Amino acid sequence: MTASHAPLIMENYISFHPAMTWLIIFLVIWPVALAVLFAFAVRIDPRSGRLRRR
């Protein structure tokens, strides 16, 4: 009988999962958060520090 490699494959996949989570956070969520922050910063008047009116 041959031994199944499925447990070894699953163990490697599960141990790789946290790295993928951080990669998704860094590549997707972080740029979106920076874009939102930049959009908010553009609306602030640099002289007074208050939000500009439309």
N, C-alpha and C. Protein backbone atom coordinates (compact mmCIF):
# COMPACT_ATOMS: atom_id res chain seq x y z
N MET A 1 0.84 -1.19 0.00
CA MET A 1 0.00 0.00 0.00
C MET A 1 0.89 1.25 0.00
N THR A 2 0.40 2.26 -0.63
CA THR A 2 1.15 3.52 -0.67
C THR A 2 0.54 4.50 0.32
N ALA A 3 1.39 5.30 0.91
CA ALA A 3 0.94 6.30 1.87
C ALA A 3 0.39 7.51 1.13
N SER A 4 -0.64 8.08 1.68
CA SER A 4 -1.24 9.27 1.08
C SER A 4 -0.41 10.51 1.43
N HIS A 5 -0.26 11.39 0.47
CA HIS A 5 0.46 12.64 0.71
C HIS A 5 -0.47 13.78 1.09
N ALA A 6 -1.76 13.51 1.17
CA ALA A 6 -2.74 14.57 1.47
C ALA A 6 -2.48 15.25 2.82
N PRO A 7 -2.21 14.52 3.90
CA PRO A 7 -1.96 15.23 5.18
C PRO A 7 -0.76 16.17 5.09
N LEU A 8 0.30 15.75 4.39
CA LEU A 8 1.48 16.61 4.26
C LEU A 8 1.16 17.86 3.45
N ILE A 9 0.39 17.69 2.38
CA ILE A 9 0.00 18.83 1.54
C ILE A 9 -0.88 19.79 2.35
N MET A 10 -1.84 19.26 3.10
CA MET A 10 -2.71 20.11 3.90
C MET A 10 -1.93 20.83 5.00
N GLU A 11 -0.96 20.15 5.59
CA GLU A 11 -0.15 20.78 6.64
C GLU A 11 0.65 21.95 6.06
N ASN A 12 1.20 21.78 4.87
CA ASN A 12 1.94 22.87 4.24
C ASN A 12 1.01 24.01 3.85
N TYR A 13 -0.20 23.69 3.40
CA TYR A 13 -1.15 24.74 3.02
C TYR A 13 -1.59 25.54 4.24
N ILE A 14 -1.88 24.85 5.31
CA ILE A 14 -2.35 25.53 6.53
C ILE A 14 -1.24 26.42 7.10
N SER A 15 0.00 25.96 7.05
CA SER A 15 1.09 26.77 7.58
C SER A 15 1.40 27.96 6.68
N PHE A 16 1.01 27.89 5.40
CA PHE A 16 1.23 28.99 4.47
C PHE A 16 0.12 30.03 4.54
N HIS A 17 -1.01 29.68 5.13
CA HIS A 17 -2.19 30.54 5.16
C HIS A 17 -1.95 31.91 5.82
N PRO A 18 -1.29 32.02 6.97
CA PRO A 18 -1.08 33.36 7.55
C PRO A 18 -0.26 34.28 6.65
N ALA A 19 0.69 33.73 5.91
CA ALA A 19 1.47 34.56 5.00
C ALA A 19 0.59 35.12 3.90
N MET A 20 -0.33 34.34 3.40
CA MET A 20 -1.24 34.81 2.36
C MET A 20 -2.18 35.89 2.92
N THR A 21 -2.60 35.72 4.15
CA THR A 21 -3.47 36.74 4.76
C THR A 21 -2.76 38.08 4.84
N TRP A 22 -1.51 38.09 5.28
CA TRP A 22 -0.76 39.34 5.38
C TRP A 22 -0.47 39.91 4.00
N LEU A 23 -0.25 39.05 3.02
CA LEU A 23 -0.02 39.52 1.65
C LEU A 23 -1.26 40.21 1.10
N ILE A 24 -2.43 39.63 1.36
CA ILE A 24 -3.67 40.26 0.91
C ILE A 24 -3.87 41.60 1.60
N ILE A 25 -3.60 41.66 2.89
CA ILE A 25 -3.74 42.92 3.63
C ILE A 25 -2.81 43.97 3.05
N PHE A 26 -1.58 43.59 2.78
CA PHE A 26 -0.58 44.55 2.30
C PHE A 26 -0.89 45.02 0.88
N LEU A 27 -1.31 44.11 0.01
CA LEU A 27 -1.50 44.47 -1.40
C LEU A 27 -2.87 45.05 -1.71
N VAL A 28 -3.89 44.75 -0.91
CA VAL A 28 -5.24 45.19 -1.24
C VAL A 28 -5.76 46.23 -0.25
N ILE A 29 -5.78 45.89 1.01
CA ILE A 29 -6.42 46.76 2.00
C ILE A 29 -5.58 48.00 2.28
N TRP A 30 -4.26 47.87 2.36
CA TRP A 30 -3.40 49.00 2.67
C TRP A 30 -3.48 50.11 1.62
N PRO A 31 -3.41 49.81 0.31
CA PRO A 31 -3.56 50.89 -0.68
C PRO A 31 -4.94 51.54 -0.64
N VAL A 32 -5.98 50.76 -0.38
CA VAL A 32 -7.33 51.34 -0.28
C VAL A 32 -7.40 52.29 0.92
N ALA A 33 -6.83 51.88 2.04
CA ALA A 33 -6.82 52.74 3.23
C ALA A 33 -6.03 54.02 2.97
N LEU A 34 -4.91 53.92 2.27
CA LEU A 34 -4.13 55.12 1.93
C LEU A 34 -4.90 56.04 0.99
N ALA A 35 -5.64 55.47 0.05
CA ALA A 35 -6.43 56.29 -0.87
C ALA A 35 -7.53 57.04 -0.12
N VAL A 36 -8.17 56.38 0.82
CA VAL A 36 -9.21 57.04 1.63
C VAL A 36 -8.59 58.15 2.47
N LEU A 37 -7.45 57.88 3.08
CA LEU A 37 -6.77 58.89 3.88
C LEU A 37 -6.35 60.08 3.03
N PHE A 38 -5.84 59.82 1.84
CA PHE A 38 -5.43 60.89 0.94
C PHE A 38 -6.63 61.72 0.48
N ALA A 39 -7.74 61.05 0.17
CA ALA A 39 -8.95 61.77 -0.23
C ALA A 39 -9.45 62.67 0.90
N PHE A 40 -9.32 62.22 2.14
CA PHE A 40 -9.71 63.05 3.27
C PHE A 40 -8.73 64.21 3.45
N ALA A 41 -7.44 63.95 3.27
CA ALA A 41 -6.43 64.99 3.46
C ALA A 41 -6.55 66.09 2.42
N VAL A 42 -7.00 65.76 1.23
CA VAL A 42 -7.15 66.77 0.17
C VAL A 42 -8.23 67.78 0.56
N ARG A 43 -9.21 67.34 1.34
CA ARG A 43 -10.31 68.24 1.73
C ARG A 43 -9.95 69.16 2.89
N ILE A 44 -8.78 69.01 3.49
CA ILE A 44 -8.39 69.85 4.62
C ILE A 44 -7.64 71.07 4.11
N ASP A 45 -8.05 72.24 4.57
CA ASP A 45 -7.39 73.48 4.19
C ASP A 45 -6.07 73.58 4.97
N PRO A 46 -4.94 73.69 4.28
CA PRO A 46 -3.66 73.69 5.00
C PRO A 46 -3.45 74.90 5.89
N ARG A 47 -4.11 76.02 5.60
CA ARG A 47 -3.91 77.22 6.41
C ARG A 47 -4.63 77.15 7.74
N SER A 48 -5.86 76.63 7.75
CA SER A 48 -6.63 76.62 8.98
C SER A 48 -6.71 75.24 9.62
N GLY A 49 -6.51 74.19 8.85
CA GLY A 49 -6.62 72.84 9.38
C GLY A 49 -8.06 72.35 9.44
N ARG A 50 -8.98 73.14 8.88
CA ARG A 50 -10.39 72.74 8.90
C ARG A 50 -10.77 72.17 7.54
N LEU A 51 -11.88 71.44 7.53
CA LEU A 51 -12.36 70.89 6.27
C LEU A 51 -12.85 72.00 5.36
N ARG A 52 -12.53 71.88 4.10
CA ARG A 52 -13.01 72.87 3.11
C ARG A 52 -14.47 72.61 2.82
N ARG A 53 -15.17 73.69 2.57
CA ARG A 53 -16.58 73.56 2.17
C ARG A 53 -16.64 73.39 0.67
N ARG A 54 -17.66 72.66 0.24
CA ARG A 54 -17.80 72.42 -1.20
C ARG A 54 -18.38 73.60 -1.91
